Amino acid sequence: ACFYDNLLFMAKPTKDNRKISRGRPATGTAPLVGVRMPESLQV
C-alpha cells in the first residue's frame, strides 16, 4: 500500500509483424493423397 501511488508504466516493446516460421516451407495448399504402391511400380 505504500507504493500504490508510485506506479511506473514501462513502454511496450515494439512488435515485429514478420511471421517467424520454423521448419520446412509450405509446398502447396492442395490436400495430401497417400498412395501405397509396390516397389516395382515405384521403380
PDB file of all heavy atoms in Angstrom:
ATOM      1  N   ALA A   1       0.823  -1.197   0.000  1.00  0.00           N
ATOM      2  CA  ALA A   1       0.000   0.000   0.000  1.00  0.00           C
ATOM      3  C   ALA A   1       0.862   1.254   0.000  1.00  0.00           C
ATOM      4  O   ALA A   1       0.432   2.313  -0.419  1.00  0.00           O
ATOM      5  CB  ALA A   1      -0.941  -0.007   1.184  1.00  0.00           C
ATOM      6  N   CYS A   2       2.089   1.118   0.451  1.00  0.00           N
ATOM      7  CA  CYS A   2       2.982   2.270   0.485  1.00  0.00           C
ATOM      8  C   CYS A   2       3.381   2.698  -0.917  1.00  0.00           C
ATOM      9  O   CYS A   2       3.679   3.855  -1.166  1.00  0.00           O
ATOM     10  CB  CYS A   2       4.252   1.935   1.277  1.00  0.00           C
ATOM     11  SG  CYS A   2       3.905   1.510   2.981  1.00  0.00           S
ATOM     12  N   PHE A   3       3.417   1.751  -1.831  1.00  0.00           N
ATOM     13  CA  PHE A   3       3.867   2.037  -3.197  1.00  0.00           C
ATOM     14  C   PHE A   3       2.703   2.201  -4.180  1.00  0.00           C
ATOM     15  O   PHE A   3       2.902   2.247  -5.368  1.00  0.00           O
ATOM     16  CB  PHE A   3       4.786   0.918  -3.703  1.00  0.00           C
ATOM     17  CG  PHE A   3       5.962   0.697  -2.814  1.00  0.00           C
ATOM     18  CD1 PHE A   3       6.089  -0.473  -2.095  1.00  0.00           C
ATOM     19  CD2 PHE A   3       6.914   1.672  -2.679  1.00  0.00           C
ATOM     20  CE1 PHE A   3       7.164  -0.669  -1.257  1.00  0.00           C
ATOM     21  CE2 PHE A   3       8.002   1.484  -1.857  1.00  0.00           C
ATOM     22  CZ  PHE A   3       8.135   0.311  -1.127  1.00  0.00           C
ATOM     23  N   TYR A   4       1.545   2.308  -3.674  1.00  0.00           N
ATOM     24  CA  TYR A   4       0.363   2.354  -4.521  1.00  0.00           C
ATOM     25  C   TYR A   4       0.387   3.568  -5.439  1.00  0.00           C
ATOM     26  O   TYR A   4      -0.019   3.502  -6.583  1.00  0.00           O
ATOM     27  CB  TYR A   4      -0.897   2.362  -3.659  1.00  0.00           C
ATOM     28  CG  TYR A   4      -2.164   2.427  -4.474  1.00  0.00           C
ATOM     29  CD1 TYR A   4      -2.590   1.331  -5.211  1.00  0.00           C
ATOM     30  CD2 TYR A   4      -2.913   3.592  -4.522  1.00  0.00           C
ATOM     31  CE1 TYR A   4      -3.733   1.390  -5.969  1.00  0.00           C
ATOM     32  CE2 TYR A   4      -4.056   3.658  -5.273  1.00  0.00           C
ATOM     33  CZ  TYR A   4      -4.467   2.557  -5.998  1.00  0.00           C
ATOM     34  OH  TYR A   4      -5.596   2.609  -6.748  1.00  0.00           O
ATOM     35  N   ASP A   5       0.876   4.656  -4.980  1.00  0.00           N
ATOM     36  CA  ASP A   5       0.847   5.885  -5.741  1.00  0.00           C
ATOM     37  C   ASP A   5       2.020   5.996  -6.712  1.00  0.00           C
ATOM     38  O   ASP A   5       2.024   6.823  -7.588  1.00  0.00           O
ATOM     39  CB  ASP A   5       0.850   7.067  -4.777  1.00  0.00           C
ATOM     40  CG  ASP A   5       0.351   8.323  -5.459  1.00  0.00           C
ATOM     41  OD1 ASP A   5      -0.382   8.173  -6.466  1.00  0.00           O
ATOM     42  OD2 ASP A   5       0.694   9.408  -5.011  1.00  0.00           O
ATOM     43  N   ASN A   6       3.003   5.140  -6.587  1.00  0.00           N
ATOM     44  CA  ASN A   6       4.213   5.250  -7.395  1.00  0.00           C
ATOM     45  C   ASN A   6       4.234   4.209  -8.521  1.00  0.00           C
ATOM     46  O   ASN A   6       5.167   3.426  -8.629  1.00  0.00           O
ATOM     47  CB  ASN A   6       5.452   5.086  -6.524  1.00  0.00           C
ATOM     48  CG  ASN A   6       5.540   6.146  -5.461  1.00  0.00           C
ATOM     49  OD1 ASN A   6       5.029   7.233  -5.663  1.00  0.00           O
ATOM     50  ND2 ASN A   6       6.171   5.834  -4.365  1.00  0.00           N
ATOM     51  N   LEU A   7       3.219   4.174  -9.359  1.00  0.00           N
ATOM     52  CA  LEU A   7       3.182   3.210 -10.445  1.00  0.00           C
ATOM     53  C   LEU A   7       4.088   3.675 -11.574  1.00  0.00           C
ATOM     54  O   LEU A   7       4.102   4.854 -11.928  1.00  0.00           O
ATOM     55  CB  LEU A   7       1.761   3.031 -10.981  1.00  0.00           C
ATOM     56  CG  LEU A   7       0.770   2.351 -10.042  1.00  0.00           C
ATOM     57  CD1 LEU A   7      -0.608   2.311 -10.697  1.00  0.00           C
ATOM     58  CD2 LEU A   7       1.230   0.944  -9.746  1.00  0.00           C
ATOM     59  N   LEU A   8       4.812   2.764 -12.120  1.00  0.00           N
ATOM     60  CA  LEU A   8       5.726   3.080 -13.204  1.00  0.00           C
ATOM     61  C   LEU A   8       5.255   2.325 -14.444  1.00  0.00           C
ATOM     62  O   LEU A   8       5.194   1.105 -14.445  1.00  0.00           O
ATOM     63  CB  LEU A   8       7.151   2.657 -12.829  1.00  0.00           C
ATOM     64  CG  LEU A   8       8.201   2.927 -13.874  1.00  0.00           C
ATOM     65  CD1 LEU A   8       8.342   4.422 -14.136  1.00  0.00           C
ATOM     66  CD2 LEU A   8       9.542   2.354 -13.420  1.00  0.00           C
ATOM     67  N   PHE A   9       4.912   3.065 -15.474  1.00  0.00           N
ATOM     68  CA  PHE A   9       4.456   2.446 -16.700  1.00  0.00           C
ATOM     69  C   PHE A   9       5.637   2.344 -17.651  1.00  0.00           C
ATOM     70  O   PHE A   9       6.231   3.353 -18.022  1.00  0.00           O
ATOM     71  CB  PHE A   9       3.330   3.253 -17.353  1.00  0.00           C
ATOM     72  CG  PHE A   9       2.070   3.254 -16.544  1.00  0.00           C
ATOM     73  CD1 PHE A   9       1.739   4.341 -15.751  1.00  0.00           C
ATOM     74  CD2 PHE A   9       1.223   2.162 -16.573  1.00  0.00           C
ATOM     75  CE1 PHE A   9       0.588   4.331 -14.999  1.00  0.00           C
ATOM     76  CE2 PHE A   9       0.069   2.158 -15.817  1.00  0.00           C
ATOM     77  CZ  PHE A   9      -0.256   3.245 -15.031  1.00  0.00           C
ATOM     78  N   MET A  10       5.931   1.115 -18.049  1.00  0.00           N
ATOM     79  CA  MET A  10       7.036   0.901 -18.975  1.00  0.00           C
ATOM     80  C   MET A  10       6.502   0.924 -20.400  1.00  0.00           C
ATOM     81  O   MET A  10       5.362   0.550 -20.655  1.00  0.00           O
ATOM     82  CB  MET A  10       7.728  -0.431 -18.696  1.00  0.00           C
ATOM     83  CG  MET A  10       8.342  -0.480 -17.333  1.00  0.00           C
ATOM     84  SD  MET A  10       9.198  -2.003 -17.043  1.00  0.00           S
ATOM     85  CE  MET A  10      10.541  -1.872 -18.160  1.00  0.00           C
ATOM     86  N   ALA A  11       7.335   1.327 -21.307  1.00  0.00           N
ATOM     87  CA  ALA A  11       6.936   1.358 -22.707  1.00  0.00           C
ATOM     88  C   ALA A  11       6.775  -0.072 -23.214  1.00  0.00           C
ATOM     89  O   ALA A  11       7.538  -0.970 -22.863  1.00  0.00           O
ATOM     90  CB  ALA A  11       7.989   2.096 -23.531  1.00  0.00           C
ATOM     91  N   LYS A  12       5.761  -0.278 -24.046  1.00  0.00           N
ATOM     92  CA  LYS A  12       5.533  -1.612 -24.595  1.00  0.00           C
ATOM     93  C   LYS A  12       6.591  -1.918 -25.648  1.00  0.00           C
ATOM     94  O   LYS A  12       6.986  -1.029 -26.405  1.00  0.00           O
ATOM     95  CB  LYS A  12       4.141  -1.714 -25.211  1.00  0.00           C
ATOM     96  CG  LYS A  12       3.038  -1.636 -24.192  1.00  0.00           C
ATOM     97  CD  LYS A  12       1.702  -1.861 -24.835  1.00  0.00           C
ATOM     98  CE  LYS A  12       0.617  -1.830 -23.796  1.00  0.00           C
ATOM     99  NZ  LYS A  12      -0.679  -2.088 -24.378  1.00  0.00           N
ATOM    100  N   PRO A  13       7.001  -3.157 -25.712  1.00  0.00           N
ATOM    101  CA  PRO A  13       8.008  -3.489 -26.719  1.00  0.00           C
ATOM    102  C   PRO A  13       7.389  -3.412 -28.122  1.00  0.00           C
ATOM    103  O   PRO A  13       6.205  -3.702 -28.315  1.00  0.00           O
ATOM    104  CB  PRO A  13       8.417  -4.917 -26.377  1.00  0.00           C
ATOM    105  CG  PRO A  13       7.278  -5.464 -25.604  1.00  0.00           C
ATOM    106  CD  PRO A  13       6.658  -4.299 -24.885  1.00  0.00           C
ATOM    107  N   THR A  14       8.190  -2.998 -29.071  1.00  0.00           N
ATOM    108  CA  THR A  14       7.696  -2.935 -30.440  1.00  0.00           C
ATOM    109  C   THR A  14       7.575  -4.353 -30.979  1.00  0.00           C
ATOM    110  O   THR A  14       8.462  -5.186 -30.779  1.00  0.00           O
ATOM    111  CB  THR A  14       8.648  -2.128 -31.328  1.00  0.00           C
ATOM    112  OG1 THR A  14       9.924  -2.723 -31.283  1.00  0.00           O
ATOM    113  CG2 THR A  14       8.717  -0.685 -30.881  1.00  0.00           C
ATOM    114  N   LYS A  15       6.483  -4.597 -31.656  1.00  0.00           N
ATOM    115  CA  LYS A  15       6.250  -5.931 -32.194  1.00  0.00           C
ATOM    116  C   LYS A  15       6.700  -5.970 -33.642  1.00  0.00           C
ATOM    117  O   LYS A  15       6.397  -5.066 -34.411  1.00  0.00           O
ATOM    118  CB  LYS A  15       4.787  -6.323 -32.093  1.00  0.00           C
ATOM    119  CG  LYS A  15       4.343  -6.599 -30.693  1.00  0.00           C
ATOM    120  CD  LYS A  15       2.966  -7.197 -30.678  1.00  0.00           C
ATOM    121  CE  LYS A  15       2.568  -7.557 -29.271  1.00  0.00           C
ATOM    122  NZ  LYS A  15       1.251  -8.142 -29.221  1.00  0.00           N
ATOM    123  N   ASP A  16       7.386  -7.019 -33.962  1.00  0.00           N
ATOM    124  CA  ASP A  16       7.803  -7.226 -35.342  1.00  0.00           C
ATOM    125  C   ASP A  16       6.708  -8.040 -36.018  1.00  0.00           C
ATOM    126  O   ASP A  16       6.392  -9.141 -35.585  1.00  0.00           O
ATOM    127  CB  ASP A  16       9.135  -7.986 -35.368  1.00  0.00           C
ATOM    128  CG  ASP A  16       9.755  -7.972 -36.741  1.00  0.00           C
ATOM    129  OD1 ASP A  16       9.186  -7.324 -37.628  1.00  0.00           O
ATOM    130  OD2 ASP A  16      10.808  -8.611 -36.916  1.00  0.00           O
ATOM    131  N   ASN A  17       6.096  -7.506 -37.043  1.00  0.00           N
ATOM    132  CA  ASN A  17       4.974  -8.180 -37.684  1.00  0.00           C
ATOM    133  C   ASN A  17       5.384  -9.311 -38.611  1.00  0.00           C
ATOM    134  O   ASN A  17       4.538  -9.957 -39.196  1.00  0.00           O
ATOM    135  CB  ASN A  17       4.128  -7.174 -38.454  1.00  0.00           C
ATOM    136  CG  ASN A  17       3.347  -6.287 -37.521  1.00  0.00           C
ATOM    137  OD1 ASN A  17       3.073  -6.672 -36.394  1.00  0.00           O
ATOM    138  ND2 ASN A  17       3.013  -5.089 -37.979  1.00  0.00           N
ATOM    139  N   ARG A  18       6.669  -9.508 -38.794  1.00  0.00           N
ATOM    140  CA  ARG A  18       7.097 -10.616 -39.643  1.00  0.00           C
ATOM    141  C   ARG A  18       6.799 -11.933 -38.945  1.00  0.00           C
ATOM    142  O   ARG A  18       7.054 -12.096 -37.751  1.00  0.00           O
ATOM    143  CB  ARG A  18       8.594 -10.535 -39.924  1.00  0.00           C
ATOM    144  CG  ARG A  18       8.964  -9.431 -40.867  1.00  0.00           C
ATOM    145  CD  ARG A  18      10.431  -9.467 -41.175  1.00  0.00           C
ATOM    146  NE  ARG A  18      11.187  -9.402 -39.918  1.00  0.00           N
ATOM    147  CZ  ARG A  18      12.395  -9.924 -39.744  1.00  0.00           C
ATOM    148  NH1 ARG A  18      12.988 -10.542 -40.726  1.00  0.00           N
ATOM    149  NH2 ARG A  18      13.020  -9.813 -38.603  1.00  0.00           N
ATOM    150  N   LYS A  19       6.274 -12.849 -39.710  1.00  0.00           N
ATOM    151  CA  LYS A  19       5.987 -14.174 -39.167  1.00  0.00           C
ATOM    152  C   LYS A  19       7.272 -14.988 -39.203  1.00  0.00           C
ATOM    153  O   LYS A  19       7.903 -15.137 -40.251  1.00  0.00           O
ATOM    154  CB  LYS A  19       4.914 -14.869 -40.004  1.00  0.00           C
ATOM    155  CG  LYS A  19       4.546 -16.227 -39.479  1.00  0.00           C
ATOM    156  CD  LYS A  19       3.494 -16.863 -40.347  1.00  0.00           C
ATOM    157  CE  LYS A  19       3.232 -18.266 -39.868  1.00  0.00           C
ATOM    158  NZ  LYS A  19       2.303 -18.964 -40.731  1.00  0.00           N
ATOM    159  N   ILE A  20       7.640 -15.472 -38.071  1.00  0.00           N
ATOM    160  CA  ILE A  20       8.830 -16.305 -37.998  1.00  0.00           C
ATOM    161  C   ILE A  20       8.368 -17.743 -38.105  1.00  0.00           C
ATOM    162  O   ILE A  20       7.737 -18.279 -37.197  1.00  0.00           O
ATOM    163  CB  ILE A  20       9.599 -16.073 -36.686  1.00  0.00           C
ATOM    164  CG1 ILE A  20      10.037 -14.611 -36.607  1.00  0.00           C
ATOM    165  CG2 ILE A  20      10.783 -17.006 -36.599  1.00  0.00           C
ATOM    166  CD1 ILE A  20      10.662 -14.238 -35.299  1.00  0.00           C
ATOM    167  N   SER A  21       8.648 -18.344 -39.254  1.00  0.00           N
ATOM    168  CA  SER A  21       8.212 -19.722 -39.441  1.00  0.00           C
ATOM    169  C   SER A  21       9.419 -20.637 -39.277  1.00  0.00           C
ATOM    170  O   SER A  21      10.514 -20.339 -39.746  1.00  0.00           O
ATOM    171  CB  SER A  21       7.591 -19.902 -40.820  1.00  0.00           C
ATOM    172  OG  SER A  21       8.521 -19.577 -41.818  1.00  0.00           O
ATOM    173  N   ARG A  22       9.169 -21.709 -38.644  1.00  0.00           N
ATOM    174  CA  ARG A  22      10.229 -22.666 -38.427  1.00  0.00           C
ATOM    175  C   ARG A  22       9.931 -23.908 -39.244  1.00  0.00           C
ATOM    176  O   ARG A  22       8.800 -24.214 -39.549  1.00  0.00           O
ATOM    177  CB  ARG A  22      10.313 -23.041 -36.956  1.00  0.00           C
ATOM    178  CG  ARG A  22      10.694 -21.868 -36.116  1.00  0.00           C
ATOM    179  CD  ARG A  22      10.801 -22.275 -34.689  1.00  0.00           C
ATOM    180  NE  ARG A  22      11.119 -21.103 -33.889  1.00  0.00           N
ATOM    181  CZ  ARG A  22      11.836 -21.134 -32.813  1.00  0.00           C
ATOM    182  NH1 ARG A  22      12.283 -22.277 -32.350  1.00  0.00           N
ATOM    183  NH2 ARG A  22      12.088 -20.038 -32.159  1.00  0.00           N
ATOM    184  N   GLY A  23      10.962 -24.622 -39.574  1.00  0.00           N
ATOM    185  CA  GLY A  23      10.781 -25.873 -40.281  1.00  0.00           C
ATOM    186  C   GLY A  23      10.738 -25.685 -41.786  1.00  0.00           C
ATOM    187  O   GLY A  23      11.131 -24.660 -42.323  1.00  0.00           O
ATOM    188  N   ARG A  24      10.211 -26.678 -42.416  1.00  0.00           N
ATOM    189  CA  ARG A  24      10.166 -26.728 -43.874  1.00  0.00           C
ATOM    190  C   ARG A  24       9.123 -25.760 -44.417  1.00  0.00           C
ATOM    191  O   ARG A  24       8.035 -25.652 -43.867  1.00  0.00           O
ATOM    192  CB  ARG A  24       9.800 -28.165 -44.247  1.00  0.00           C
ATOM    193  CG  ARG A  24      10.016 -28.500 -45.662  1.00  0.00           C
ATOM    194  CD  ARG A  24       9.823 -29.988 -45.823  1.00  0.00           C
ATOM    195  NE  ARG A  24       9.243 -30.164 -47.123  1.00  0.00           N
ATOM    196  CZ  ARG A  24       8.416 -31.100 -47.464  1.00  0.00           C
ATOM    197  NH1 ARG A  24       8.064 -31.991 -46.601  1.00  0.00           N
ATOM    198  NH2 ARG A  24       7.952 -31.183 -48.661  1.00  0.00           N
ATOM    199  N   PRO A  25       9.420 -25.075 -45.512  1.00  0.00           N
ATOM    200  CA  PRO A  25       8.425 -24.170 -46.081  1.00  0.00           C
ATOM    201  C   PRO A  25       7.241 -24.939 -46.669  1.00  0.00           C
ATOM    202  O   PRO A  25       7.380 -26.091 -47.079  1.00  0.00           O
ATOM    203  CB  PRO A  25       9.189 -23.430 -47.175  1.00  0.00           C
ATOM    204  CG  PRO A  25      10.339 -24.283 -47.502  1.00  0.00           C
ATOM    205  CD  PRO A  25      10.673 -25.065 -46.257  1.00  0.00           C
ATOM    206  N   ALA A  26       6.102 -24.294 -46.711  1.00  0.00           N
ATOM    207  CA  ALA A  26       4.903 -24.920 -47.259  1.00  0.00           C
ATOM    208  C   ALA A  26       5.092 -25.168 -48.749  1.00  0.00           C
ATOM    209  O   ALA A  26       5.575 -24.311 -49.473  1.00  0.00           O
ATOM    210  CB  ALA A  26       3.689 -24.039 -47.021  1.00  0.00           C
ATOM    211  N   THR A  27       4.696 -26.351 -49.210  1.00  0.00           N
ATOM    212  CA  THR A  27       4.874 -26.690 -50.615  1.00  0.00           C
ATOM    213  C   THR A  27       3.603 -26.518 -51.417  1.00  0.00           C
ATOM    214  O   THR A  27       3.634 -26.544 -52.623  1.00  0.00           O
ATOM    215  CB  THR A  27       5.352 -28.144 -50.751  1.00  0.00           C
ATOM    216  OG1 THR A  27       4.415 -28.990 -50.096  1.00  0.00           O
ATOM    217  CG2 THR A  27       6.720 -28.320 -50.148  1.00  0.00           C
ATOM    218  N   GLY A  28       2.487 -26.408 -50.797  1.00  0.00           N
ATOM    219  CA  GLY A  28       1.246 -26.235 -51.530  1.00  0.00           C
ATOM    220  C   GLY A  28       0.056 -26.300 -50.602  1.00  0.00           C
ATOM    221  O   GLY A  28       0.165 -26.670 -49.439  1.00  0.00           O
ATOM    222  N   THR A  29      -1.094 -25.937 -51.135  1.00  0.00           N
ATOM    223  CA  THR A  29      -2.300 -25.932 -50.316  1.00  0.00           C
ATOM    224  C   THR A  29      -3.232 -27.074 -50.681  1.00  0.00           C
ATOM    225  O   THR A  29      -4.271 -27.223 -50.069  1.00  0.00           O
ATOM    226  CB  THR A  29      -3.042 -24.598 -50.487  1.00  0.00           C
ATOM    227  OG1 THR A  29      -3.332 -24.420 -51.877  1.00  0.00           O
ATOM    228  CG2 THR A  29      -2.214 -23.440 -49.989  1.00  0.00           C
ATOM    229  N   ALA A  30      -2.873 -27.859 -51.701  1.00  0.00           N
ATOM    230  CA  ALA A  30      -3.729 -28.975 -52.110  1.00  0.00           C
ATOM    231  C   ALA A  30      -3.666 -30.066 -51.049  1.00  0.00           C
ATOM    232  O   ALA A  30      -2.634 -30.270 -50.405  1.00  0.00           O
ATOM    233  CB  ALA A  30      -3.263 -29.533 -53.456  1.00  0.00           C
ATOM    234  N   PRO A  31      -4.774 -30.793 -50.847  1.00  0.00           N
ATOM    235  CA  PRO A  31      -4.765 -31.851 -49.835  1.00  0.00           C
ATOM    236  C   PRO A  31      -3.824 -32.990 -50.228  1.00  0.00           C
ATOM    237  O   PRO A  31      -3.650 -33.302 -51.401  1.00  0.00           O
ATOM    238  CB  PRO A  31      -6.216 -32.334 -49.784  1.00  0.00           C
ATOM    239  CG  PRO A  31      -6.879 -31.775 -50.979  1.00  0.00           C
ATOM    240  CD  PRO A  31      -6.068 -30.636 -51.483  1.00  0.00           C
ATOM    241  N   LEU A  32      -3.245 -33.590 -49.233  1.00  0.00           N
ATOM    242  CA  LEU A  32      -2.316 -34.687 -49.430  1.00  0.00           C
ATOM    243  C   LEU A  32      -3.094 -35.966 -49.693  1.00  0.00           C
ATOM    244  O   LEU A  32      -4.077 -36.269 -49.007  1.00  0.00           O
ATOM    245  CB  LEU A  32      -1.438 -34.864 -48.192  1.00  0.00           C
ATOM    246  CG  LEU A  32      -0.488 -36.038 -48.203  1.00  0.00           C
ATOM    247  CD1 LEU A  32       0.611 -35.812 -49.229  1.00  0.00           C
ATOM    248  CD2 LEU A  32       0.107 -36.238 -46.841  1.00  0.00           C
ATOM    249  N   VAL A  33      -2.659 -36.734 -50.690  1.00  0.00           N
ATOM    250  CA  VAL A  33      -3.267 -38.016 -51.010  1.00  0.00           C
ATOM    251  C   VAL A  33      -2.188 -39.070 -50.871  1.00  0.00           C
ATOM    252  O   VAL A  33      -1.209 -39.068 -51.612  1.00  0.00           O
ATOM    253  CB  VAL A  33      -3.843 -38.031 -52.446  1.00  0.00           C
ATOM    254  CG1 VAL A  33      -4.440 -39.387 -52.769  1.00  0.00           C
ATOM    255  CG2 VAL A  33      -4.880 -36.950 -52.601  1.00  0.00           C
ATOM    256  N   GLY A  34      -2.345 -39.959 -49.916  1.00  0.00           N
ATOM    257  CA  GLY A  34      -1.366 -41.022 -49.719  1.00  0.00           C
ATOM    258  C   GLY A  34      -1.728 -42.231 -50.552  1.00  0.00           C
ATOM    259  O   GLY A  34      -2.889 -42.617 -50.651  1.00  0.00           O
ATOM    260  N   VAL A  35      -0.742 -42.831 -51.171  1.00  0.00           N
ATOM    261  CA  VAL A  35      -0.976 -43.988 -52.036  1.00  0.00           C
ATOM    262  C   VAL A  35       0.054 -45.061 -51.701  1.00  0.00           C
ATOM    263  O   VAL A  35       1.236 -44.771 -51.607  1.00  0.00           O
ATOM    264  CB  VAL A  35      -0.827 -43.592 -53.531  1.00  0.00           C
ATOM    265  CG1 VAL A  35      -1.028 -44.796 -54.427  1.00  0.00           C
ATOM    266  CG2 VAL A  35      -1.796 -42.506 -53.890  1.00  0.00           C
ATOM    267  N   ARG A  36      -0.403 -46.274 -51.540  1.00  0.00           N
ATOM    268  CA  ARG A  36       0.516 -47.394 -51.372  1.00  0.00           C
ATOM    269  C   ARG A  36       0.776 -47.989 -52.741  1.00  0.00           C
ATOM    270  O   ARG A  36      -0.143 -48.215 -53.509  1.00  0.00           O
ATOM    271  CB  ARG A  36      -0.088 -48.470 -50.471  1.00  0.00           C
ATOM    272  CG  ARG A  36      -0.247 -48.034 -49.050  1.00  0.00           C
ATOM    273  CD  ARG A  36      -0.748 -49.213 -48.230  1.00  0.00           C
ATOM    274  NE  ARG A  36      -1.183 -48.794 -46.927  1.00  0.00           N
ATOM    275  CZ  ARG A  36      -0.382 -48.725 -45.873  1.00  0.00           C
ATOM    276  NH1 ARG A  36       0.878 -49.046 -45.990  1.00  0.00           N
ATOM    277  NH2 ARG A  36      -0.833 -48.325 -44.706  1.00  0.00           N
ATOM    278  N   MET A  37       2.054 -48.239 -53.035  1.00  0.00           N
ATOM    279  CA  MET A  37       2.382 -48.858 -54.311  1.00  0.00           C
ATOM    280  C   MET A  37       3.584 -49.766 -54.111  1.00  0.00           C
ATOM    281  O   MET A  37       4.470 -49.459 -53.320  1.00  0.00           O
ATOM    282  CB  MET A  37       2.647 -47.804 -55.388  1.00  0.00           C
ATOM    283  CG  MET A  37       3.801 -46.890 -55.129  1.00  0.00           C
ATOM    284  SD  MET A  37       4.058 -45.674 -56.426  1.00  0.00           S
ATOM    285  CE  MET A  37       2.711 -44.568 -56.169  1.00  0.00           C
ATOM    286  N   PRO A  38       3.593 -50.873 -54.828  1.00  0.00           N
ATOM    287  CA  PRO A  38       4.718 -51.799 -54.684  1.00  0.00           C
ATOM    288  C   PRO A  38       6.017 -51.187 -55.209  1.00  0.00           C
ATOM    289  O   PRO A  38       6.009 -50.239 -55.997  1.00  0.00           O
ATOM    290  CB  PRO A  38       4.305 -53.013 -55.513  1.00  0.00           C
ATOM    291  CG  PRO A  38       3.260 -52.520 -56.431  1.00  0.00           C
ATOM    292  CD  PRO A  38       2.590 -51.358 -55.759  1.00  0.00           C
ATOM    293  N   GLU A  39       7.118 -51.755 -54.760  1.00  0.00           N
ATOM    294  CA  GLU A  39       8.432 -51.251 -55.148  1.00  0.00           C
ATOM    295  C   GLU A  39       8.637 -51.301 -56.656  1.00  0.00           C
ATOM    296  O   GLU A  39       9.247 -50.406 -57.243  1.00  0.00           O
ATOM    297  CB  GLU A  39       9.526 -52.057 -54.444  1.00  0.00           C
ATOM    298  CG  GLU A  39      10.913 -51.492 -54.615  1.00  0.00           C
ATOM    299  CD  GLU A  39      11.098 -50.133 -53.956  1.00  0.00           C
ATOM    300  OE1 GLU A  39      10.475 -49.879 -52.917  1.00  0.00           O
ATOM    301  OE2 GLU A  39      11.865 -49.327 -54.506  1.00  0.00           O
ATOM    302  N   SER A  40       8.092 -52.343 -57.309  1.00  0.00           N
ATOM    303  CA  SER A  40       8.264 -52.463 -58.759  1.00  0.00           C
ATOM    304  C   SER A  40       7.610 -51.292 -59.500  1.00  0.00           C
ATOM    305  O   SER A  40       8.143 -50.791 -60.491  1.00  0.00           O
ATOM    306  CB  SER A  40       7.678 -53.782 -59.254  1.00  0.00           C
ATOM    307  OG  SER A  40       6.300 -53.843 -58.945  1.00  0.00           O
ATOM    308  N   LEU A  41       6.472 -50.823 -59.003  1.00  0.00           N
ATOM    309  CA  LEU A  41       5.804 -49.677 -59.614  1.00  0.00           C
ATOM    310  C   LEU A  41       6.606 -48.403 -59.386  1.00  0.00           C
ATOM    311  O   LEU A  41       6.733 -47.563 -60.280  1.00  0.00           O
ATOM    312  CB  LEU A  41       4.388 -49.533 -59.057  1.00  0.00           C
ATOM    313  CG  LEU A  41       3.491 -48.482 -59.677  1.00  0.00           C
ATOM    314  CD1 LEU A  41       3.323 -48.727 -61.164  1.00  0.00           C
ATOM    315  CD2 LEU A  41       2.143 -48.484 -59.002  1.00  0.00           C
ATOM    316  N   GLN A  42       7.174 -48.261 -58.198  1.00  0.00           N
ATOM    317  CA  GLN A  42       8.000 -47.090 -57.905  1.00  0.00           C
ATOM    318  C   GLN A  42       9.236 -47.064 -58.796  1.00  0.00           C
ATOM    319  O   GLN A  42       9.641 -45.994 -59.265  1.00  0.00           O
ATOM    320  CB  GLN A  42       8.425 -47.090 -56.441  1.00  0.00           C
ATOM    321  CG  GLN A  42       7.281 -46.831 -55.483  1.00  0.00           C
ATOM    322  CD  GLN A  42       7.741 -46.803 -54.037  1.00  0.00           C
ATOM    323  OE1 GLN A  42       8.869 -46.417 -53.758  1.00  0.00           O
ATOM    324  NE2 GLN A  42       6.870 -47.213 -53.131  1.00  0.00           N
ATOM    325  N   VAL A  43       9.817 -48.232 -59.040  1.00  0.00           N
ATOM    326  CA  VAL A  43      10.987 -48.307 -59.917  1.00  0.00           C
ATOM    327  C   VAL A  43      10.614 -47.865 -61.327  1.00  0.00           C
ATOM    328  O   VAL A  43      11.343 -47.120 -61.980  1.00  0.00           O
ATOM    329  CB  VAL A  43      11.584 -49.737 -59.913  1.00  0.00           C
ATOM    330  CG1 VAL A  43      12.608 -49.905 -61.016  1.00  0.00           C
ATOM    331  CG2 VAL A  43      12.195 -50.038 -58.561  1.00  0.00           C
TER     332      VAL A  43
END
